[in-house]
Amino acid sequence: QVQLVESGGGLVQPGGSLRLSCAASGSIFSITAMGWYRQAPGKQRELVAVITITGNTNYADSVKGRFTISRDHAKNTVYLQMNNLKPEDTAVYYCNKAWAAPANWGQGTQVTVSS
């Protein structure tokens, strides 16, 4: 079973930037689309960014133009560059397969946007 480890979260002011990383224990990026999800307190987990096997990307409207998903096959790592962060981006961020049965969820990484 693939293990996923997220990192890179933290406290940032509105308008700031963070880069999240997701390291996978195996080479799954070549066989499945990957996504970044987030879950805010009291809300359901939502998919915010996807990168397909061919490298195409998709974003939720709420993050389009501000977030960028990318991957490094050699490092088995997926990234999420987050710019112009807003308080409503505050959540725990997770990575996992997109549009498929998920692997075991990692612990996530907390992103807090506050002044």
N, C-alpha and C. Protein backbone atom coordinates (compact mmCIF):
# COMPACT_ATOMS: atom_id res chain seq x y z
N GLN A 1 0.85 -1.20 0.00
CA GLN A 1 0.00 0.00 0.00
C GLN A 1 0.88 1.24 0.00
N VAL A 2 0.53 2.19 -0.85
CA VAL A 2 1.30 3.42 -0.95
C VAL A 2 1.14 4.25 0.32
N GLN A 3 2.24 4.82 0.77
CA GLN A 3 2.22 5.75 1.89
C GLN A 3 2.44 7.17 1.37
N LEU A 4 1.66 8.11 1.87
CA LEU A 4 1.73 9.51 1.43
C LEU A 4 2.07 10.38 2.63
N VAL A 5 3.05 11.25 2.46
CA VAL A 5 3.48 12.13 3.54
C VAL A 5 3.49 13.57 3.04
N GLU A 6 2.63 14.38 3.63
CA GLU A 6 2.52 15.79 3.25
C GLU A 6 3.36 16.65 4.17
N SER A 7 3.87 17.75 3.63
CA SER A 7 4.66 18.69 4.42
C SER A 7 4.61 20.06 3.77
N GLY A 8 5.09 21.07 4.50
CA GLY A 8 5.21 22.40 3.95
C GLY A 8 4.18 23.40 4.44
N GLY A 9 3.25 22.97 5.25
CA GLY A 9 2.23 23.88 5.74
C GLY A 9 2.80 24.84 6.78
N GLY A 10 1.95 25.76 7.23
CA GLY A 10 2.39 26.71 8.24
C GLY A 10 1.41 27.85 8.37
N LEU A 11 1.85 28.87 9.11
CA LEU A 11 1.06 30.08 9.31
C LEU A 11 1.57 31.15 8.37
N VAL A 12 0.69 31.75 7.61
CA VAL A 12 1.08 32.77 6.65
C VAL A 12 0.03 33.88 6.66
N GLN A 13 0.49 35.09 6.36
CA GLN A 13 -0.44 36.22 6.28
C GLN A 13 -1.21 36.20 4.97
N PRO A 14 -2.37 36.81 4.95
CA PRO A 14 -3.11 36.92 3.69
C PRO A 14 -2.23 37.55 2.61
N GLY A 15 -2.30 36.98 1.41
CA GLY A 15 -1.46 37.43 0.32
C GLY A 15 -0.13 36.70 0.22
N GLY A 16 0.17 35.92 1.22
CA GLY A 16 1.44 35.19 1.23
C GLY A 16 1.40 33.92 0.40
N SER A 17 2.52 33.20 0.43
CA SER A 17 2.67 31.98 -0.37
C SER A 17 3.21 30.84 0.47
N LEU A 18 2.86 29.64 0.06
CA LEU A 18 3.42 28.41 0.63
C LEU A 18 3.56 27.39 -0.48
N ARG A 19 4.50 26.47 -0.29
CA ARG A 19 4.65 25.36 -1.21
C ARG A 19 4.54 24.07 -0.43
N LEU A 20 3.53 23.30 -0.75
CA LEU A 20 3.32 22.00 -0.10
C LEU A 20 3.97 20.89 -0.92
N SER A 21 4.42 19.87 -0.21
CA SER A 21 5.01 18.69 -0.86
C SER A 21 4.29 17.44 -0.39
N CYS A 22 4.21 16.47 -1.27
CA CYS A 22 3.62 15.17 -0.94
C CYS A 22 4.54 14.10 -1.48
N ALA A 23 5.17 13.38 -0.59
CA ALA A 23 6.09 12.31 -0.97
C ALA A 23 5.37 10.97 -0.89
N ALA A 24 5.48 10.20 -1.97
CA ALA A 24 4.85 8.87 -2.02
C ALA A 24 5.92 7.80 -1.88
N SER A 25 5.52 6.71 -1.24
CA SER A 25 6.48 5.63 -1.01
C SER A 25 6.72 4.80 -2.26
N GLY A 26 5.82 4.92 -3.23
CA GLY A 26 5.98 4.16 -4.46
C GLY A 26 5.72 5.03 -5.67
N SER A 27 5.97 4.48 -6.84
CA SER A 27 5.79 5.24 -8.08
C SER A 27 4.35 5.11 -8.56
N ILE A 28 3.49 5.93 -8.01
CA ILE A 28 2.08 5.84 -8.40
C ILE A 28 1.69 6.91 -9.40
N PHE A 29 2.54 7.92 -9.58
CA PHE A 29 2.15 9.05 -10.42
C PHE A 29 1.99 8.64 -11.87
N SER A 30 2.67 7.58 -12.26
CA SER A 30 2.59 7.16 -13.66
C SER A 30 1.38 6.30 -13.94
N ILE A 31 0.64 5.93 -12.91
CA ILE A 31 -0.50 5.04 -13.12
C ILE A 31 -1.81 5.65 -12.67
N THR A 32 -1.78 6.84 -12.08
CA THR A 32 -3.01 7.45 -11.61
C THR A 32 -2.86 8.96 -11.53
N ALA A 33 -3.97 9.64 -11.73
CA ALA A 33 -3.97 11.08 -11.48
C ALA A 33 -3.84 11.31 -9.97
N MET A 34 -3.21 12.40 -9.61
CA MET A 34 -3.03 12.75 -8.21
C MET A 34 -3.70 14.09 -7.92
N GLY A 35 -4.13 14.24 -6.70
CA GLY A 35 -4.81 15.46 -6.34
C GLY A 35 -4.42 15.97 -4.97
N TRP A 36 -4.61 17.26 -4.79
CA TRP A 36 -4.52 17.87 -3.46
C TRP A 36 -5.95 18.15 -2.98
N TYR A 37 -6.17 17.75 -1.75
CA TYR A 37 -7.46 17.96 -1.11
C TYR A 37 -7.26 18.86 0.10
N ARG A 38 -8.34 19.44 0.57
CA ARG A 38 -8.26 20.18 1.82
C ARG A 38 -9.55 20.00 2.61
N GLN A 39 -9.40 20.11 3.92
CA GLN A 39 -10.55 19.99 4.80
C GLN A 39 -10.46 21.06 5.88
N ALA A 40 -11.42 21.96 5.83
CA ALA A 40 -11.50 23.02 6.83
C ALA A 40 -12.36 22.52 7.99
N PRO A 41 -12.21 23.11 9.17
CA PRO A 41 -13.00 22.68 10.32
C PRO A 41 -14.50 22.72 10.04
N GLY A 42 -15.18 21.62 10.33
CA GLY A 42 -16.61 21.57 10.14
C GLY A 42 -17.07 21.41 8.71
N LYS A 43 -16.12 21.21 7.79
CA LYS A 43 -16.48 21.07 6.38
C LYS A 43 -15.98 19.74 5.83
N GLN A 44 -16.58 19.35 4.72
CA GLN A 44 -16.15 18.12 4.06
C GLN A 44 -14.84 18.34 3.32
N ARG A 45 -14.11 17.25 3.16
CA ARG A 45 -12.88 17.32 2.38
C ARG A 45 -13.21 17.62 0.93
N GLU A 46 -12.47 18.54 0.32
CA GLU A 46 -12.72 18.91 -1.07
C GLU A 46 -11.45 18.79 -1.90
N LEU A 47 -11.64 18.43 -3.14
CA LEU A 47 -10.54 18.31 -4.09
C LEU A 47 -10.28 19.68 -4.70
N VAL A 48 -9.06 20.18 -4.60
CA VAL A 48 -8.78 21.53 -5.09
C VAL A 48 -7.86 21.56 -6.30
N ALA A 49 -7.07 20.52 -6.51
CA ALA A 49 -6.16 20.53 -7.66
C ALA A 49 -5.85 19.10 -8.07
N VAL A 50 -5.75 18.89 -9.38
CA VAL A 50 -5.47 17.56 -9.93
C VAL A 50 -4.40 17.67 -11.00
N ILE A 51 -3.52 16.67 -11.04
CA ILE A 51 -2.59 16.53 -12.15
C ILE A 51 -2.74 15.12 -12.70
N THR A 52 -2.97 15.02 -14.00
CA THR A 52 -3.23 13.72 -14.61
C THR A 52 -1.92 13.02 -14.98
N ILE A 53 -2.07 11.80 -15.45
CA ILE A 53 -0.90 11.02 -15.86
C ILE A 53 -0.13 11.74 -16.97
N THR A 54 -0.87 12.43 -17.82
CA THR A 54 -0.24 13.12 -18.95
C THR A 54 0.22 14.53 -18.59
N GLY A 55 -0.02 14.94 -17.35
CA GLY A 55 0.45 16.25 -16.92
C GLY A 55 -0.58 17.36 -17.03
N ASN A 56 -1.77 17.04 -17.48
CA ASN A 56 -2.82 18.05 -17.50
C ASN A 56 -3.25 18.37 -16.07
N THR A 57 -3.69 19.61 -15.87
CA THR A 57 -4.08 20.05 -14.53
C THR A 57 -5.50 20.58 -14.51
N ASN A 58 -6.12 20.44 -13.36
CA ASN A 58 -7.46 20.97 -13.13
C ASN A 58 -7.51 21.57 -11.74
N TYR A 59 -8.32 22.64 -11.61
CA TYR A 59 -8.39 23.33 -10.33
C TYR A 59 -9.84 23.65 -9.97
N ALA A 60 -10.10 23.66 -8.68
CA ALA A 60 -11.39 24.16 -8.23
C ALA A 60 -11.44 25.66 -8.50
N ASP A 61 -12.64 26.16 -8.74
CA ASP A 61 -12.78 27.59 -9.04
C ASP A 61 -12.21 28.46 -7.93
N SER A 62 -12.31 27.98 -6.71
CA SER A 62 -11.88 28.79 -5.57
C SER A 62 -10.37 29.02 -5.52
N VAL A 63 -9.60 28.19 -6.22
CA VAL A 63 -8.13 28.33 -6.18
C VAL A 63 -7.53 28.60 -7.55
N LYS A 64 -8.34 28.59 -8.57
CA LYS A 64 -7.85 28.78 -9.94
C LYS A 64 -7.13 30.12 -10.07
N GLY A 65 -5.96 30.08 -10.67
CA GLY A 65 -5.17 31.30 -10.84
C GLY A 65 -4.26 31.61 -9.67
N ARG A 66 -4.43 30.89 -8.55
CA ARG A 66 -3.60 31.14 -7.37
C ARG A 66 -2.76 29.92 -7.00
N PHE A 67 -3.28 28.73 -7.26
CA PHE A 67 -2.59 27.48 -6.90
C PHE A 67 -2.07 26.81 -8.17
N THR A 68 -0.92 26.14 -8.03
CA THR A 68 -0.35 25.38 -9.13
C THR A 68 0.11 24.03 -8.63
N ILE A 69 -0.38 22.96 -9.26
CA ILE A 69 0.03 21.61 -8.91
C ILE A 69 1.10 21.15 -9.89
N SER A 70 2.08 20.44 -9.39
CA SER A 70 3.15 19.91 -10.25
C SER A 70 3.67 18.62 -9.62
N ARG A 71 4.54 17.93 -10.33
CA ARG A 71 5.06 16.66 -9.80
C ARG A 71 6.49 16.44 -10.29
N ASP A 72 7.19 15.61 -9.56
CA ASP A 72 8.55 15.20 -9.92
C ASP A 72 8.57 13.68 -9.83
N HIS A 73 8.55 13.02 -10.99
CA HIS A 73 8.51 11.56 -11.00
C HIS A 73 9.75 10.96 -10.34
N ALA A 74 10.89 11.55 -10.56
CA ALA A 74 12.13 11.00 -10.02
C ALA A 74 12.13 10.99 -8.50
N LYS A 75 11.44 11.98 -7.91
CA LYS A 75 11.37 12.09 -6.46
C LYS A 75 10.07 11.53 -5.89
N ASN A 76 9.20 11.01 -6.75
CA ASN A 76 7.89 10.53 -6.31
C ASN A 76 7.19 11.55 -5.44
N THR A 77 7.20 12.79 -5.89
CA THR A 77 6.67 13.90 -5.10
C THR A 77 5.74 14.76 -5.94
N VAL A 78 4.65 15.16 -5.32
CA VAL A 78 3.71 16.10 -5.92
C VAL A 78 3.75 17.38 -5.09
N TYR A 79 3.66 18.51 -5.76
CA TYR A 79 3.75 19.81 -5.10
C TYR A 79 2.47 20.61 -5.30
N LEU A 80 2.24 21.53 -4.39
CA LEU A 80 1.17 22.51 -4.56
C LEU A 80 1.72 23.87 -4.18
N GLN A 81 1.94 24.70 -5.20
CA GLN A 81 2.36 26.07 -4.96
C GLN A 81 1.12 26.92 -4.75
N MET A 82 1.06 27.58 -3.62
CA MET A 82 -0.12 28.37 -3.27
C MET A 82 0.31 29.83 -3.12
N ASN A 83 -0.25 30.68 -3.96
CA ASN A 83 0.06 32.10 -3.93
C ASN A 83 -1.19 32.89 -3.58
N ASN A 84 -0.98 34.13 -3.16
CA ASN A 84 -2.10 35.02 -2.82
C ASN A 84 -3.09 34.33 -1.90
N LEU A 85 -2.58 33.76 -0.84
CA LEU A 85 -3.43 32.98 0.08
C LEU A 85 -4.44 33.87 0.78
N LYS A 86 -5.60 33.28 1.01
CA LYS A 86 -6.71 33.97 1.65
C LYS A 86 -7.09 33.24 2.94
N PRO A 87 -7.72 33.92 3.88
CA PRO A 87 -8.14 33.25 5.12
C PRO A 87 -9.00 32.01 4.86
N GLU A 88 -9.79 32.04 3.80
CA GLU A 88 -10.64 30.90 3.50
C GLU A 88 -9.86 29.70 2.96
N ASP A 89 -8.58 29.85 2.74
CA ASP A 89 -7.73 28.71 2.35
C ASP A 89 -7.26 27.93 3.57
N THR A 90 -7.55 28.42 4.75
CA THR A 90 -7.16 27.73 5.98
C THR A 90 -7.81 26.36 6.04
N ALA A 91 -6.97 25.33 6.19
CA ALA A 91 -7.46 23.95 6.19
C ALA A 91 -6.28 23.01 6.40
N VAL A 92 -6.59 21.74 6.60
CA VAL A 92 -5.57 20.70 6.53
C VAL A 92 -5.54 20.21 5.09
N TYR A 93 -4.36 20.18 4.52
CA TYR A 93 -4.20 19.78 3.12
C TYR A 93 -3.62 18.38 3.03
N TYR A 94 -4.22 17.59 2.13
CA TYR A 94 -3.82 16.20 1.92
C TYR A 94 -3.59 15.96 0.42
N CYS A 95 -2.78 14.98 0.12
CA CYS A 95 -2.69 14.51 -1.27
C CYS A 95 -3.17 13.07 -1.32
N ASN A 96 -3.64 12.68 -2.47
CA ASN A 96 -4.09 11.32 -2.67
C ASN A 96 -4.43 11.15 -4.15
N LYS A 97 -4.83 9.93 -4.52
CA LYS A 97 -5.27 9.71 -5.88
C LYS A 97 -6.46 10.61 -6.15
N ALA A 98 -6.61 10.98 -7.40
CA ALA A 98 -7.77 11.76 -7.82
C ALA A 98 -8.65 10.87 -8.70
N TRP A 99 -9.94 11.02 -8.54
CA TRP A 99 -10.92 10.31 -9.38
C TRP A 99 -10.77 8.80 -9.31
N ALA A 100 -10.31 8.29 -8.17
CA ALA A 100 -10.13 6.85 -7.99
C ALA A 100 -10.23 6.55 -6.50
N ALA A 101 -10.37 5.27 -6.19
CA ALA A 101 -10.39 4.88 -4.78
C ALA A 101 -9.11 5.34 -4.11
N PRO A 102 -9.20 6.06 -3.02
CA PRO A 102 -8.01 6.63 -2.40
C PRO A 102 -7.11 5.59 -1.76
N ALA A 103 -5.83 5.92 -1.71
CA ALA A 103 -4.88 5.17 -0.90
C ALA A 103 -5.10 5.59 0.57
N ASN A 104 -4.36 4.99 1.48
CA ASN A 104 -4.45 5.43 2.86
C ASN A 104 -4.12 6.92 2.97
N TRP A 105 -4.93 7.66 3.70
CA TRP A 105 -4.69 9.09 3.84
C TRP A 105 -3.49 9.33 4.75
N GLY A 106 -2.68 10.32 4.40
CA GLY A 106 -1.59 10.72 5.25
C GLY A 106 -2.10 11.60 6.38
N GLN A 107 -1.18 12.18 7.12
CA GLN A 107 -1.58 12.99 8.28
C GLN A 107 -1.98 14.40 7.86
N GLY A 108 -1.66 14.76 6.63
CA GLY A 108 -1.98 16.10 6.15
C GLY A 108 -1.00 17.13 6.69
N THR A 109 -1.14 18.34 6.17
CA THR A 109 -0.31 19.45 6.64
C THR A 109 -1.22 20.67 6.83
N GLN A 110 -1.10 21.31 7.98
CA GLN A 110 -1.99 22.42 8.33
C GLN A 110 -1.53 23.71 7.66
N VAL A 111 -2.46 24.38 7.01
CA VAL A 111 -2.22 25.71 6.44
C VAL A 111 -3.17 26.67 7.14
N THR A 112 -2.59 27.69 7.73
CA THR A 112 -3.39 28.71 8.41
C THR A 112 -3.05 30.07 7.82
N VAL A 113 -4.06 30.75 7.32
CA VAL A 113 -3.88 32.07 6.72
C VAL A 113 -4.56 33.08 7.63
N SER A 114 -3.74 33.89 8.27
CA SER A 114 -4.27 34.84 9.25
C SER A 114 -3.30 35.98 9.45
N SER A 115 -3.85 37.14 9.73
CA SER A 115 -3.01 38.29 10.04
C SER A 115 -2.82 38.43 11.54
